[in-house]
N, C-alpha and C. Protein backbone atom coordinates (compact mmCIF):
# COMPACT_ATOMS: atom_id res chain seq x y z
N UNK A 1 -9.22 1.55 18.35
CA UNK A 1 -9.85 0.95 17.22
C UNK A 1 -7.91 1.72 16.29
N UNK A 2 -7.80 0.97 15.04
CA UNK A 2 -7.20 1.46 14.40
C UNK A 2 -6.87 2.82 13.13
N UNK A 3 -6.31 3.71 13.20
CA UNK A 3 -6.84 4.70 12.34
C UNK A 3 -5.64 4.76 11.58
N UNK A 4 -6.17 5.01 10.06
CA UNK A 4 -4.45 4.58 8.93
C UNK A 4 -4.72 5.82 8.53
N UNK A 5 -3.74 6.83 7.88
CA UNK A 5 -3.75 7.65 7.10
C UNK A 5 -2.69 7.46 5.67
N UNK A 6 -3.08 7.74 4.97
CA UNK A 6 -2.65 7.72 3.65
C UNK A 6 -2.32 8.87 3.03
N UNK A 7 -0.55 8.99 2.94
CA UNK A 7 0.03 10.19 1.81
C UNK A 7 0.94 9.83 1.07
N UNK A 8 1.50 10.72 0.46
CA UNK A 8 2.35 10.79 -0.52
C UNK A 8 2.44 10.57 -2.06
N UNK A 9 1.06 10.62 -2.07
CA UNK A 9 0.13 10.93 -3.87
C UNK A 9 0.68 12.27 -4.35
N UNK A 10 0.82 11.87 -5.90
CA UNK A 10 0.86 13.55 -6.36
C UNK A 10 0.75 13.38 -7.82
N UNK A 11 1.27 13.99 -8.59
CA UNK A 11 1.44 13.92 -10.15
C UNK A 11 3.16 14.10 -10.47
N UNK A 12 3.12 12.86 -11.01
CA UNK A 12 4.56 12.41 -11.16
C UNK A 12 4.92 11.95 -13.11
N UNK A 13 5.97 12.50 -14.06
CA UNK A 13 5.96 11.74 -14.99
C UNK A 13 6.58 10.51 -15.44
N UNK A 14 5.68 10.04 -15.83
CA UNK A 14 6.60 8.47 -16.70
C UNK A 14 7.78 8.29 -16.06
N UNK A 15 8.31 6.93 -15.56
CA UNK A 15 9.83 6.61 -14.89
C UNK A 15 9.95 7.14 -13.82
N UNK A 16 9.17 8.24 -13.36
CA UNK A 16 9.67 8.64 -11.75
C UNK A 16 9.27 7.94 -10.25
N UNK A 17 9.09 8.18 -9.16
CA UNK A 17 8.89 8.16 -8.19
C UNK A 17 8.23 8.77 -7.48
N UNK A 18 7.88 7.84 -6.74
CA UNK A 18 6.85 8.44 -5.06
C UNK A 18 6.98 7.51 -4.13
N UNK A 19 7.19 8.04 -3.06
CA UNK A 19 6.73 7.56 -1.77
C UNK A 19 5.51 7.78 -1.02
N UNK A 20 4.93 6.41 -0.99
CA UNK A 20 3.50 6.69 -0.22
C UNK A 20 3.91 6.31 0.98
N UNK A 21 3.25 6.63 1.92
CA UNK A 21 3.42 6.16 3.98
C UNK A 21 1.74 5.66 4.14
N UNK A 22 1.84 4.68 4.87
CA UNK A 22 0.65 5.03 5.85
C UNK A 22 1.07 4.63 7.30
N UNK A 23 0.33 5.90 8.06
CA UNK A 23 0.47 5.92 9.28
C UNK A 23 -0.35 5.38 10.15
N UNK A 24 -0.49 4.98 10.98
CA UNK A 24 -1.36 4.00 12.02
C UNK A 24 -1.15 4.90 13.65
N UNK A 25 -2.30 4.79 13.74
CA UNK A 25 -2.70 5.53 15.22
C UNK A 25 -3.57 4.69 15.71
N UNK A 26 -3.37 4.66 17.20
CA UNK A 26 -4.64 4.36 17.89
C UNK A 26 -4.34 2.52 18.50
N UNK A 27 -3.02 2.08 17.91
CA UNK A 27 -2.49 0.84 18.50
C UNK A 27 -1.35 0.39 17.28
N UNK A 28 -0.93 -0.29 18.76
CA UNK A 28 0.70 -0.76 17.66
C UNK A 28 0.28 -1.21 16.57
N UNK A 29 1.58 -1.34 15.00
CA UNK A 29 1.22 -1.82 13.94
C UNK A 29 1.91 -3.14 14.15
N UNK A 30 2.85 -3.48 15.44
CA UNK A 30 3.31 -5.06 15.37
C UNK A 30 2.28 -6.21 15.24
N UNK A 31 1.23 -5.90 15.58
CA UNK A 31 -0.20 -6.97 15.46
C UNK A 31 -0.51 -7.15 14.25
N UNK A 32 -0.27 -5.99 13.16
CA UNK A 32 -0.88 -5.52 11.85
C UNK A 32 -0.24 -6.25 10.64
N UNK A 33 -1.10 -6.95 9.65
CA UNK A 33 -0.35 -6.75 8.23
C UNK A 33 -0.74 -5.66 7.51
N UNK A 34 0.19 -5.24 6.90
CA UNK A 34 -0.59 -4.13 5.69
C UNK A 34 -0.11 -4.11 4.66
N UNK A 35 -1.43 -4.22 4.07
CA UNK A 35 -1.54 -4.22 2.43
C UNK A 35 -2.00 -2.78 1.58
N UNK A 36 -0.97 -2.59 0.48
CA UNK A 36 -1.65 -1.57 -0.50
C UNK A 36 -2.25 -2.12 -1.42
N UNK A 37 -3.33 -1.28 -1.64
CA UNK A 37 -4.24 -1.70 -2.99
C UNK A 37 -4.63 -0.07 -3.41
N UNK A 38 -5.11 0.08 -4.71
CA UNK A 38 -5.39 0.77 -5.61
C UNK A 38 -6.58 0.64 -6.43
N UNK A 39 -7.17 1.49 -6.80
CA UNK A 39 -8.78 1.55 -7.66
C UNK A 39 -8.16 2.56 -8.62
N UNK A 40 -8.39 2.07 -10.03
CA UNK A 40 -8.11 3.00 -10.72
C UNK A 40 -9.58 3.75 -11.19
N UNK A 41 -9.95 4.50 -12.19
CA UNK A 41 -11.71 4.74 -12.52
C UNK A 41 -11.94 3.87 -13.20
N UNK A 42 -12.97 3.58 -12.79
CA UNK A 42 -14.05 2.47 -13.79
C UNK A 42 -13.50 0.89 -13.29
N UNK A 43 -12.12 0.95 -12.40
CA UNK A 43 -12.05 -0.79 -12.32
C UNK A 43 -11.65 -0.80 -10.80
N UNK A 44 -12.08 -2.39 -10.52
CA UNK A 44 -11.87 -2.82 -9.34
C UNK A 44 -10.40 -3.13 -8.55
N UNK A 45 -10.80 -2.20 -7.23
CA UNK A 45 -9.65 -2.29 -6.59
C UNK A 45 -8.85 -3.80 -6.27
N UNK A 46 -7.57 -3.12 -6.48
CA UNK A 46 -6.31 -4.19 -6.65
C UNK A 46 -5.39 -4.16 -5.60
N UNK A 47 -5.07 -5.54 -5.26
CA UNK A 47 -3.56 -5.61 -4.39
C UNK A 47 -2.39 -5.08 -5.05
N UNK A 48 -1.76 -4.41 -4.44
CA UNK A 48 -0.56 -4.32 -4.78
C UNK A 48 0.33 -4.75 -4.12
N UNK A 49 0.86 -4.42 -2.88
CA UNK A 49 1.79 -5.69 -2.25
C UNK A 49 1.10 -5.19 -0.78
N UNK A 50 2.09 -6.23 -0.16
CA UNK A 50 1.60 -6.61 1.63
C UNK A 50 2.75 -6.64 2.04
N UNK A 51 3.06 -6.54 3.60
CA UNK A 51 3.84 -6.98 4.47
C UNK A 51 3.49 -7.66 5.71
N UNK A 52 3.99 -8.61 6.08
CA UNK A 52 3.60 -9.48 7.46
C UNK A 52 4.83 -8.46 9.04
N UNK A 53 4.64 -8.43 10.04
CA UNK A 53 5.38 -8.36 10.66
C UNK A 53 6.55 -8.80 10.97
N UNK A 54 6.60 -10.36 10.68
CA UNK A 54 8.00 -11.13 10.54
C UNK A 54 8.64 -10.86 9.50
N UNK A 55 8.04 -9.54 8.47
CA UNK A 55 9.54 -9.27 7.40
C UNK A 55 9.00 -10.01 5.84
N UNK A 56 7.67 -10.59 5.85
CA UNK A 56 7.70 -11.14 4.35
C UNK A 56 6.12 -9.99 3.84
N UNK A 57 7.43 -10.48 2.74
CA UNK A 57 6.32 -9.06 1.75
C UNK A 57 5.71 -10.13 0.37
N UNK A 58 5.42 -9.39 -0.24
CA UNK A 58 4.38 -9.87 -1.44
C UNK A 58 3.75 -8.85 -1.78
N UNK A 59 3.85 -9.02 -3.75
CA UNK A 59 4.06 -7.87 -4.59
C UNK A 59 2.95 -8.57 -5.72
N UNK A 60 2.25 -8.00 -6.56
CA UNK A 60 1.39 -8.18 -7.64
C UNK A 60 2.88 -8.14 -8.72
N UNK A 61 2.20 -8.96 -9.71
CA UNK A 61 3.69 -9.01 -10.51
C UNK A 61 2.74 -7.82 -11.35
N UNK A 62 2.55 -7.01 -11.53
CA UNK A 62 2.44 -5.83 -12.37
C UNK A 62 3.62 -4.54 -11.17
N UNK A 63 3.44 -4.94 -10.25
CA UNK A 63 4.30 -3.65 -9.53
C UNK A 63 6.11 -4.59 -9.39
N UNK A 64 5.84 -6.07 -9.35
CA UNK A 64 7.41 -6.33 -9.21
C UNK A 64 8.45 -6.17 -9.90
N UNK A 65 9.50 -5.54 -8.60
CA UNK A 65 10.50 -4.69 -9.45
C UNK A 65 10.11 -3.19 -9.54
N UNK A 66 9.72 -3.22 -9.10
CA UNK A 66 9.44 -2.16 -9.60
C UNK A 66 9.21 -0.66 -7.94
N UNK A 67 8.10 -1.41 -7.45
CA UNK A 67 7.47 -1.05 -5.65
C UNK A 67 8.01 -2.00 -4.87
N UNK A 68 8.51 -1.37 -3.78
CA UNK A 68 9.11 -1.75 -2.82
C UNK A 68 8.73 -1.84 -1.57
N UNK A 69 7.69 -2.34 -0.89
CA UNK A 69 7.24 -2.03 0.56
C UNK A 69 8.42 -2.26 1.60
N UNK A 70 7.73 -1.55 3.27
CA UNK A 70 8.98 -1.63 4.45
C UNK A 70 8.37 -0.70 5.31
N UNK A 71 8.08 -1.44 6.54
CA UNK A 71 7.63 -1.13 7.42
C UNK A 71 8.85 -0.70 8.52
N UNK A 72 8.42 0.42 8.94
CA UNK A 72 8.73 0.73 10.57
C UNK A 72 8.24 0.80 12.14
N UNK A 73 7.92 -0.02 12.66
CA UNK A 73 7.27 0.09 13.59
C UNK A 73 7.69 0.83 14.99
N UNK A 74 8.37 1.48 14.65
CA UNK A 74 9.06 2.22 15.85
C UNK A 74 8.10 3.95 15.31
N UNK A 75 7.89 3.93 14.12
CA UNK A 75 7.40 4.72 13.52
C UNK A 75 5.57 4.67 13.55
N UNK A 76 5.83 3.30 13.65
CA UNK A 76 3.97 3.15 13.45
C UNK A 76 3.70 3.42 11.60
N UNK A 77 4.46 2.59 10.78
CA UNK A 77 4.51 3.43 9.56
C UNK A 77 4.94 2.19 8.44
N UNK A 78 4.44 2.27 7.55
CA UNK A 78 4.45 1.44 6.44
C UNK A 78 4.68 2.30 4.94
N UNK A 79 5.50 1.91 4.45
CA UNK A 79 5.90 2.56 2.94
C UNK A 79 5.97 2.09 1.72
N UNK A 80 5.37 2.71 1.10
CA UNK A 80 5.89 2.01 -0.41
C UNK A 80 6.22 2.59 -1.36
N UNK A 81 7.41 2.56 -1.59
CA UNK A 81 8.74 3.09 -2.84
C UNK A 81 8.19 3.16 -3.64
N UNK A 82 7.38 3.44 -4.64
CA UNK A 82 7.30 3.94 -5.81
C UNK A 82 8.09 4.05 -7.21
N UNK A 83 8.86 3.49 -7.62
CA UNK A 83 9.77 3.68 -8.62
C UNK A 83 9.49 3.18 -10.02
N UNK A 84 9.98 3.77 -11.80
CA UNK A 84 9.69 3.79 -12.24
C UNK A 84 8.12 3.65 -13.20
N UNK A 85 7.58 4.30 -12.65
CA UNK A 85 6.41 4.16 -12.50
C UNK A 85 5.34 4.78 -14.20
N UNK A 86 4.57 4.38 -13.90
CA UNK A 86 4.45 3.83 -15.05
C UNK A 86 2.52 4.69 -15.34
N UNK A 87 2.13 4.99 -16.43
CA UNK A 87 0.78 5.52 -16.78
C UNK A 87 -0.23 5.07 -16.46
N UNK A 88 0.02 3.51 -16.31
CA UNK A 88 -1.42 2.91 -15.87
C UNK A 88 -0.88 2.50 -14.42
N UNK A 89 0.03 2.63 -13.39
CA UNK A 89 0.29 2.95 -12.42
C UNK A 89 -1.10 3.68 -11.68
N UNK A 90 -1.63 5.15 -12.68
CA UNK A 90 -2.69 6.18 -12.13
C UNK A 90 -3.95 4.78 -11.29
N UNK A 91 -4.37 5.68 -10.22
CA UNK A 91 -4.97 5.01 -9.41
C UNK A 91 -4.95 6.01 -7.81
N UNK A 92 -6.03 5.51 -7.33
CA UNK A 92 -6.23 6.12 -5.67
C UNK A 92 -5.40 4.86 -4.97
N UNK A 93 -4.74 5.14 -4.35
CA UNK A 93 -3.98 4.04 -3.40
C UNK A 93 -4.47 3.77 -2.06
N UNK A 94 -4.88 2.57 -1.93
CA UNK A 94 -5.03 2.87 0.06
C UNK A 94 -4.30 1.60 0.63
N UNK A 95 -4.29 2.21 1.76
CA UNK A 95 -3.81 1.41 2.82
C UNK A 95 -4.56 0.56 3.98
N UNK A 96 -3.86 -0.58 4.16
CA UNK A 96 -5.16 -1.68 4.94
C UNK A 96 -4.57 -2.52 5.73
N UNK A 97 -5.01 -2.52 7.08
CA UNK A 97 -4.02 -3.45 8.45
C UNK A 97 -5.68 -4.87 8.14
N UNK A 98 -4.41 -5.87 8.24
CA UNK A 98 -5.13 -6.75 8.94
C UNK A 98 -4.72 -7.56 10.55
N UNK A 99 -5.37 -8.00 11.14
CA UNK A 99 -5.37 -8.58 13.17
C UNK A 99 -4.50 -9.87 12.61
N UNK A 100 -3.41 -9.60 11.90
CA UNK A 100 -2.65 -11.00 12.15
C UNK A 100 -1.73 -11.23 10.77
N UNK A 101 -1.69 -12.64 10.73
CA UNK A 101 -0.67 -12.34 9.30
C UNK A 101 -1.34 -12.54 7.61
N UNK A 102 -0.86 -12.51 6.51
CA UNK A 102 -1.40 -12.40 5.57
C UNK A 102 -0.82 -13.29 4.95
N UNK A 103 -1.15 -14.67 3.37
CA UNK A 103 -0.55 -15.41 3.16
C UNK A 103 -0.38 -14.51 1.58
N UNK A 104 0.26 -15.11 0.88
CA UNK A 104 0.68 -14.71 -0.30
C UNK A 104 -0.70 -14.71 -1.46
N UNK A 105 -1.58 -15.52 -1.03
CA UNK A 105 -3.25 -15.46 -1.37
C UNK A 105 -3.88 -14.26 -0.83
N UNK A 106 -4.03 -14.25 0.32
CA UNK A 106 -4.75 -13.41 1.00
C UNK A 106 -4.49 -11.78 1.06
N UNK A 107 -3.09 -11.99 0.67
CA UNK A 107 -2.49 -10.12 0.81
C UNK A 107 -3.45 -9.64 -0.39
N UNK A 108 -3.83 -10.08 -1.32
CA UNK A 108 -4.74 -9.01 -2.52
C UNK A 108 -5.89 -8.96 -2.63
N UNK A 109 -6.41 -9.57 -0.82
CA UNK A 109 -8.09 -9.87 -0.34
C UNK A 109 -8.65 -8.92 -0.12
N UNK A 110 -9.00 -8.00 -0.65
CA UNK A 110 -9.47 -6.21 0.15
C UNK A 110 -10.78 -7.47 1.69
N UNK A 111 -11.06 -7.90 1.42
CA UNK A 111 -12.11 -7.98 2.75
C UNK A 111 -11.51 -8.54 3.04
N UNK A 112 -10.22 -9.14 3.63
CA UNK A 112 -9.70 -9.81 4.92
C UNK A 112 -8.69 -8.72 5.61
N UNK A 113 -8.86 -7.26 4.93
CA UNK A 113 -8.32 -6.21 5.77
C UNK A 113 -9.64 -5.92 6.94
N UNK A 114 -8.89 -5.19 7.65
CA UNK A 114 -10.11 -4.89 9.26
C UNK A 114 -10.43 -3.14 8.59
N UNK A 115 -9.15 -2.67 8.88
CA UNK A 115 -9.15 -1.26 8.84
C UNK A 115 -8.27 -0.42 7.29
N UNK A 116 -8.83 1.02 6.99
CA UNK A 116 -8.81 1.04 6.24
C UNK A 116 -7.95 2.56 5.96
N UNK A 117 -7.09 3.25 5.33
CA UNK A 117 -7.02 4.19 5.24
C UNK A 117 -7.73 4.87 3.73
N UNK A 118 -7.71 6.03 4.31
CA UNK A 118 -8.78 7.61 3.08
C UNK A 118 -8.31 7.24 1.49
N UNK A 119 -7.22 6.95 1.84
CA UNK A 119 -6.16 7.00 -0.12
C UNK A 119 -5.59 8.04 -0.51
N UNK A 120 -4.85 7.66 -1.37
CA UNK A 120 -4.22 9.08 -1.73
C UNK A 120 -3.79 8.60 -3.37
N UNK A 121 -3.90 10.44 -4.17
CA UNK A 121 -3.99 10.01 -5.45
C UNK A 121 -2.51 10.31 -6.26
N UNK A 122 -2.69 9.19 -7.05
CA UNK A 122 -1.14 8.67 -7.84
C UNK A 122 -1.81 9.19 -9.25
N UNK A 123 -1.20 10.01 -9.83
CA UNK A 123 -1.47 9.96 -11.25
C UNK A 123 0.08 10.42 -12.26
N UNK A 124 0.05 9.39 -12.98
CA UNK A 124 1.05 9.48 -13.84
C UNK A 124 1.05 9.91 -15.00
N UNK A 125 1.63 10.94 -15.48
CA UNK A 125 1.11 11.68 -16.71
C UNK A 125 2.33 12.90 -17.56
N UNK A 126 2.68 12.87 -18.71
CA UNK A 126 3.83 13.91 -18.84
C UNK A 126 3.03 14.95 -19.23
């Protein structure tokens, strides 16, 4: 059973940066595509970014050019570097794992993912 723990959230001013981590245990991440999702109060969960084991990656238009996803299989960890943060980035951020590979479409479909972390709060406010 794959277990995911998301961390790194916090309070940051607009224009600031945070790096989220998604640490996996129980199974090597090599076999999984990893996605980051977020959910703001009163809104649906939305896909932010994802990365396959072959290094292919995808970003939602709302974060393209500001967020960078990466993975370190040796550490069984996936990262989401978030720069130039905006108040509208405020949400609970979740990481999720899909056994296999995701496409540029399935990357953003929450039902596609088999395992979920517990979420970490990101608040962008002055």
